[in-house]
């Protein structure tokens, strides 16, 4: 992970420098390592971090994963996705059934307490938007999860996730 984080940090720092921002390469490397380690615990199919110019920490994370039926879940449905991936830690989740180009989906907008709050300090709010999609003609599901902790960017992050899911295609 060291070489990857080093190169990715150079790219982020270089891009920010061209845009006129001076950011700390070590802070970017540390953030990349921490986010990679956090994502590795979930082992998604793909994981992406959003580093706008001038920021040494990712504003958001996008993970894409595949869920296949097995002995414990022989049939994946939108109801199962909604039940499995929603919680009411900070109020009830906002569940919406929808259709995206890849097939029927459930959209879940909810908030959690993020890991890493200082001892005795206030909790950090982790905001998420998840799409669980059962692509037409398949028995598996695609899960797209966008998450962020920066206050005030929810509308932009939701718009980005909603736009991305419209481009998702599944080849059989």
C-alpha atoms as a PDB file:
ATOM      1  CA  UNK A   1       0.000   0.000   0.000  1.00  0.00           C
ATOM      2  CA  UNK A   2       2.974   2.333   0.547  1.00  0.00           C
ATOM      3  CA  UNK A   3       3.843   2.834  -3.125  1.00  0.00           C
ATOM      4  CA  UNK A   4       0.236   3.239  -4.111  1.00  0.00           C
ATOM      5  CA  UNK A   5      -0.384   5.856  -1.387  1.00  0.00           C
ATOM      6  CA  UNK A   6       2.831   7.667  -2.318  1.00  0.00           C
ATOM      7  CA  UNK A   7       1.869   7.924  -6.004  1.00  0.00           C
ATOM      8  CA  UNK A   8      -1.762   8.798  -5.304  1.00  0.00           C
ATOM      9  CA  UNK A   9      -0.659  11.511  -2.839  1.00  0.00           C
ATOM     10  CA  UNK A  10       1.703  12.961  -5.466  1.00  0.00           C
ATOM     11  CA  UNK A  11      -1.193  13.112  -7.927  1.00  0.00           C
ATOM     12  CA  UNK A  12      -3.510  14.864  -5.445  1.00  0.00           C
ATOM     13  CA  UNK A  13      -0.821  17.308  -4.280  1.00  0.00           C
ATOM     14  CA  UNK A  14       0.305  18.004  -7.856  1.00  0.00           C
ATOM     15  CA  UNK A  15      -3.229  18.615  -9.100  1.00  0.00           C
ATOM     16  CA  UNK A  16      -3.907  20.937  -6.158  1.00  0.00           C
ATOM     17  CA  UNK A  17      -0.628  22.772  -6.797  1.00  0.00           C
ATOM     18  CA  UNK A  18      -1.583  23.426 -10.415  1.00  0.00           C
ATOM     19  CA  UNK A  19      -4.893  24.836  -9.138  1.00  0.00           C
ATOM     20  CA  UNK A  20      -2.982  27.174  -6.791  1.00  0.00           C
ATOM     21  CA  UNK A  21      -3.308  25.282  -3.501  1.00  0.00           C
ATOM     22  CA  UNK A  22      -0.437  24.205  -1.258  1.00  0.00           C
ATOM     23  CA  UNK A  23      -1.375  21.081   0.689  1.00  0.00           C
ATOM     24  CA  UNK A  24       0.673  18.792   2.932  1.00  0.00           C
ATOM     25  CA  UNK A  25       1.753  15.614   1.085  1.00  0.00           C
ATOM     26  CA  UNK A  26       2.134  13.672   4.341  1.00  0.00           C
ATOM     27  CA  UNK A  27      -1.432  14.550   5.391  1.00  0.00           C
ATOM     28  CA  UNK A  28      -2.708  13.284   2.030  1.00  0.00           C
ATOM     29  CA  UNK A  29      -0.669  10.058   2.325  1.00  0.00           C
ATOM     30  CA  UNK A  30      -1.926   9.464   5.867  1.00  0.00           C
ATOM     31  CA  UNK A  31      -5.526  10.076   4.814  1.00  0.00           C
ATOM     32  CA  UNK A  32      -5.175   7.750   1.811  1.00  0.00           C
ATOM     33  CA  UNK A  33      -3.704   4.998   3.993  1.00  0.00           C
ATOM     34  CA  UNK A  34      -6.426   5.366   6.623  1.00  0.00           C
ATOM     35  CA  UNK A  35      -9.206   5.326   4.044  1.00  0.00           C
ATOM     36  CA  UNK A  36      -7.694   2.333   2.243  1.00  0.00           C
ATOM     37  CA  UNK A  37      -7.439   0.441   5.532  1.00  0.00           C
ATOM     38  CA  UNK A  38     -11.050   1.314   6.411  1.00  0.00           C
ATOM     39  CA  UNK A  39     -12.275   0.224   2.984  1.00  0.00           C
ATOM     40  CA  UNK A  40     -10.217  -2.963   3.110  1.00  0.00           C
ATOM     41  CA  UNK A  41     -12.232  -4.090   6.176  1.00  0.00           C
ATOM     42  CA  UNK A  42     -15.363  -4.133   3.995  1.00  0.00           C
ATOM     43  CA  UNK A  43     -13.525  -5.512   0.934  1.00  0.00           C
ATOM     44  CA  UNK A  44     -15.636  -3.824  -1.762  1.00  0.00           C
ATOM     45  CA  UNK A  45     -15.257  -4.647  -5.441  1.00  0.00           C
ATOM     46  CA  UNK A  46     -14.229  -1.008  -6.115  1.00  0.00           C
ATOM     47  CA  UNK A  47     -13.462   1.926  -3.812  1.00  0.00           C
ATOM     48  CA  UNK A  48     -12.873   5.568  -4.709  1.00  0.00           C
ATOM     49  CA  UNK A  49     -11.997   8.654  -2.661  1.00  0.00           C
ATOM     50  CA  UNK A  50     -12.975  12.198  -3.653  1.00  0.00           C
ATOM     51  CA  UNK A  51     -10.168  14.749  -3.123  1.00  0.00           C
ATOM     52  CA  UNK A  52     -11.166  18.165  -4.500  1.00  0.00           C
ATOM     53  CA  UNK A  53      -8.334  20.573  -5.256  1.00  0.00           C
ATOM     54  CA  UNK A  54      -6.990  22.137  -2.066  1.00  0.00           C
ATOM     55  CA  UNK A  55      -8.097  19.370   0.316  1.00  0.00           C
ATOM     56  CA  UNK A  56      -5.658  17.035   2.065  1.00  0.00           C
ATOM     57  CA  UNK A  57      -8.458  14.713   3.202  1.00  0.00           C
ATOM     58  CA  UNK A  58     -11.115  13.002   1.108  1.00  0.00           C
ATOM     59  CA  UNK A  59     -14.524  14.647   1.236  1.00  0.00           C
ATOM     60  CA  UNK A  60     -16.317  11.476   0.246  1.00  0.00           C
ATOM     61  CA  UNK A  61     -15.921   7.797  -0.425  1.00  0.00           C
ATOM     62  CA  UNK A  62     -17.661   5.724  -3.076  1.00  0.00           C
ATOM     63  CA  UNK A  63     -17.672   1.946  -2.792  1.00  0.00           C
ATOM     64  CA  UNK A  64     -19.201  -0.501  -5.241  1.00  0.00           C
ATOM     65  CA  UNK A  65     -19.762  -4.101  -4.264  1.00  0.00           C
ATOM     66  CA  UNK A  66     -21.435  -7.226  -5.572  1.00  0.00           C
ATOM     67  CA  UNK A  67     -23.663  -9.507  -3.523  1.00  0.00           C
ATOM     68  CA  UNK A  68     -24.376 -12.987  -4.764  1.00  0.00           C
ATOM     69  CA  UNK A  69     -27.037 -15.380  -3.468  1.00  0.00           C
ATOM     70  CA  UNK A  70     -25.751 -18.166  -1.236  1.00  0.00           C
ATOM     71  CA  UNK A  71     -27.069 -20.689   1.296  1.00  0.00           C
ATOM     72  CA  UNK A  72     -27.845 -17.964   3.859  1.00  0.00           C
ATOM     73  CA  UNK A  73     -29.549 -15.676   1.301  1.00  0.00           C
ATOM     74  CA  UNK A  74     -30.784 -17.845  -1.583  1.00  0.00           C
ATOM     75  CA  UNK A  75     -32.680 -14.976  -3.256  1.00  0.00           C
ATOM     76  CA  UNK A  76     -31.650 -11.329  -3.181  1.00  0.00           C
ATOM     77  CA  UNK A  77     -34.590  -8.945  -3.357  1.00  0.00           C
ATOM     78  CA  UNK A  78     -35.072  -5.224  -2.917  1.00  0.00           C
ATOM     79  CA  UNK A  79     -36.861  -5.976   0.370  1.00  0.00           C
ATOM     80  CA  UNK A  80     -33.843  -7.940   1.611  1.00  0.00           C
ATOM     81  CA  UNK A  81     -31.462  -5.138   0.548  1.00  0.00           C
ATOM     82  CA  UNK A  82     -33.622  -2.519   2.298  1.00  0.00           C
ATOM     83  CA  UNK A  83     -33.836  -4.563   5.497  1.00  0.00           C
ATOM     84  CA  UNK A  84     -30.158  -5.551   5.530  1.00  0.00           C
ATOM     85  CA  UNK A  85     -28.659  -2.159   4.723  1.00  0.00           C
ATOM     86  CA  UNK A  86     -30.882   0.218   6.673  1.00  0.00           C
ATOM     87  CA  UNK A  87     -30.891   1.235  10.294  1.00  0.00           C
ATOM     88  CA  UNK A  88     -32.463   3.973  12.358  1.00  0.00           C
ATOM     89  CA  UNK A  89     -29.440   5.021  14.428  1.00  0.00           C
ATOM     90  CA  UNK A  90     -30.197   8.716  13.794  1.00  0.00           C
ATOM     91  CA  UNK A  91     -33.833   8.595  12.806  1.00  0.00           C
ATOM     92  CA  UNK A  92     -35.519   6.409  10.239  1.00  0.00           C
ATOM     93  CA  UNK A  93     -33.761   5.916   6.906  1.00  0.00           C
ATOM     94  CA  UNK A  94     -35.258   7.457   3.804  1.00  0.00           C
ATOM     95  CA  UNK A  95     -36.138   4.481   1.597  1.00  0.00           C
ATOM     96  CA  UNK A  96     -37.187   4.923  -2.014  1.00  0.00           C
ATOM     97  CA  UNK A  97     -37.915   2.256  -4.591  1.00  0.00           C
ATOM     98  CA  UNK A  98     -36.742   3.333  -8.015  1.00  0.00           C
ATOM     99  CA  UNK A  99     -35.722   2.105 -11.425  1.00  0.00           C
ATOM    100  CA  UNK A 100     -32.232   2.844 -12.752  1.00  0.00           C
ATOM    101  CA  UNK A 101     -30.831   1.845 -16.156  1.00  0.00           C
ATOM    102  CA  UNK A 102     -29.335  -1.348 -14.666  1.00  0.00           C
ATOM    103  CA  UNK A 103     -32.647  -2.466 -13.133  1.00  0.00           C
ATOM    104  CA  UNK A 104     -34.887  -2.100 -10.084  1.00  0.00           C
ATOM    105  CA  UNK A 105     -33.254  -0.471  -7.069  1.00  0.00           C
ATOM    106  CA  UNK A 106     -33.770   0.678  -3.519  1.00  0.00           C
ATOM    107  CA  UNK A 107     -32.247   4.040  -2.532  1.00  0.00           C
ATOM    108  CA  UNK A 108     -31.399   4.390   1.166  1.00  0.00           C
ATOM    109  CA  UNK A 109     -30.347   7.747   2.654  1.00  0.00           C
ATOM    110  CA  UNK A 110     -29.292   7.512   6.297  1.00  0.00           C
ATOM    111  CA  UNK A 111     -26.823   8.660   8.932  1.00  0.00           C
ATOM    112  CA  UNK A 112     -24.556   6.805  11.349  1.00  0.00           C
ATOM    113  CA  UNK A 113     -22.081   7.619  14.093  1.00  0.00           C
ATOM    114  CA  UNK A 114     -18.688   7.504  12.386  1.00  0.00           C
ATOM    115  CA  UNK A 115     -15.682   5.778  13.878  1.00  0.00           C
ATOM    116  CA  UNK A 116     -12.861   7.958  15.151  1.00  0.00           C
ATOM    117  CA  UNK A 117     -14.623  10.424  17.432  1.00  0.00           C
ATOM    118  CA  UNK A 118     -12.300  11.770  20.127  1.00  0.00           C
ATOM    119  CA  UNK A 119     -12.815  10.195  23.580  1.00  0.00           C
ATOM    120  CA  UNK A 120     -15.383  12.260  25.443  1.00  0.00           C
ATOM    121  CA  UNK A 121     -15.893  14.442  22.376  1.00  0.00           C
ATOM    122  CA  UNK A 122     -18.921  14.758  20.157  1.00  0.00           C
ATOM    123  CA  UNK A 123     -19.739  11.954  17.750  1.00  0.00           C
ATOM    124  CA  UNK A 124     -18.896  12.420  14.089  1.00  0.00           C
ATOM    125  CA  UNK A 125     -21.883  12.100  11.777  1.00  0.00           C
ATOM    126  CA  UNK A 126     -21.345   9.758   8.823  1.00  0.00           C
ATOM    127  CA  UNK A 127     -23.886  10.533   6.107  1.00  0.00           C
ATOM    128  CA  UNK A 128     -24.576   7.861   3.503  1.00  0.00           C
ATOM    129  CA  UNK A 129     -26.508   7.243   0.355  1.00  0.00           C
ATOM    130  CA  UNK A 130     -26.748   3.634  -0.759  1.00  0.00           C
ATOM    131  CA  UNK A 131     -28.274   2.128  -3.859  1.00  0.00           C
ATOM    132  CA  UNK A 132     -29.023  -1.585  -3.869  1.00  0.00           C
ATOM    133  CA  UNK A 133     -29.695  -2.680  -7.428  1.00  0.00           C
ATOM    134  CA  UNK A 134     -30.862  -6.066  -8.672  1.00  0.00           C
ATOM    135  CA  UNK A 135     -29.820  -5.802 -12.321  1.00  0.00           C
ATOM    136  CA  UNK A 136     -32.397  -7.021 -14.798  1.00  0.00           C
ATOM    137  CA  UNK A 137     -31.698 -10.639 -15.730  1.00  0.00           C
ATOM    138  CA  UNK A 138     -29.473 -11.425 -12.734  1.00  0.00           C
ATOM    139  CA  UNK A 139     -29.836 -12.985  -9.311  1.00  0.00           C
ATOM    140  CA  UNK A 140     -27.065 -10.898  -7.746  1.00  0.00           C
ATOM    141  CA  UNK A 141     -27.071  -7.312  -6.522  1.00  0.00           C
ATOM    142  CA  UNK A 142     -24.843  -4.319  -7.067  1.00  0.00           C
ATOM    143  CA  UNK A 143     -24.446  -2.026  -4.074  1.00  0.00           C
ATOM    144  CA  UNK A 144     -23.231   1.535  -4.554  1.00  0.00           C
ATOM    145  CA  UNK A 145     -22.429   3.340  -1.285  1.00  0.00           C
ATOM    146  CA  UNK A 146     -21.478   7.020  -1.081  1.00  0.00           C
ATOM    147  CA  UNK A 147     -20.409   8.305   2.337  1.00  0.00           C
ATOM    148  CA  UNK A 148     -19.117  11.590   3.771  1.00  0.00           C
ATOM    149  CA  UNK A 149     -18.571  13.339   7.110  1.00  0.00           C
ATOM    150  CA  UNK A 150     -18.159  16.992   6.052  1.00  0.00           C
ATOM    151  CA  UNK A 151     -21.217  19.027   7.087  1.00  0.00           C
ATOM    152  CA  UNK A 152     -23.055  20.967   4.422  1.00  0.00           C
ATOM    153  CA  UNK A 153     -22.221  18.877   1.356  1.00  0.00           C
ATOM    154  CA  UNK A 154     -25.118  16.400   1.495  1.00  0.00           C
ATOM    155  CA  UNK A 155     -27.019  17.846  -1.455  1.00  0.00           C
ATOM    156  CA  UNK A 156     -23.925  17.801  -3.697  1.00  0.00           C
ATOM    157  CA  UNK A 157     -22.977  14.266  -2.633  1.00  0.00           C
ATOM    158  CA  UNK A 158     -26.510  12.965  -3.166  1.00  0.00           C
ATOM    159  CA  UNK A 159     -26.631  14.610  -6.590  1.00  0.00           C
ATOM    160  CA  UNK A 160     -23.280  13.004  -7.490  1.00  0.00           C
ATOM    161  CA  UNK A 161     -24.421   9.530  -6.371  1.00  0.00           C
ATOM    162  CA  UNK A 162     -27.775   9.899  -8.129  1.00  0.00           C
ATOM    163  CA  UNK A 163     -25.945  10.883 -11.333  1.00  0.00           C
ATOM    164  CA  UNK A 164     -23.430   8.044 -11.073  1.00  0.00           C
ATOM    165  CA  UNK A 165     -26.030   5.333 -10.567  1.00  0.00           C
ATOM    166  CA  UNK A 166     -27.688   6.439 -13.806  1.00  0.00           C
ATOM    167  CA  UNK A 167     -24.482   5.518 -15.671  1.00  0.00           C
ATOM    168  CA  UNK A 168     -24.133   2.061 -14.110  1.00  0.00           C
ATOM    169  CA  UNK A 169     -24.382  -0.742 -16.643  1.00  0.00           C
ATOM    170  CA  UNK A 170     -24.205  -4.489 -16.075  1.00  0.00           C
ATOM    171  CA  UNK A 171     -23.130  -6.765 -18.902  1.00  0.00           C
ATOM    172  CA  UNK A 172     -24.392 -10.325 -18.653  1.00  0.00           C
END
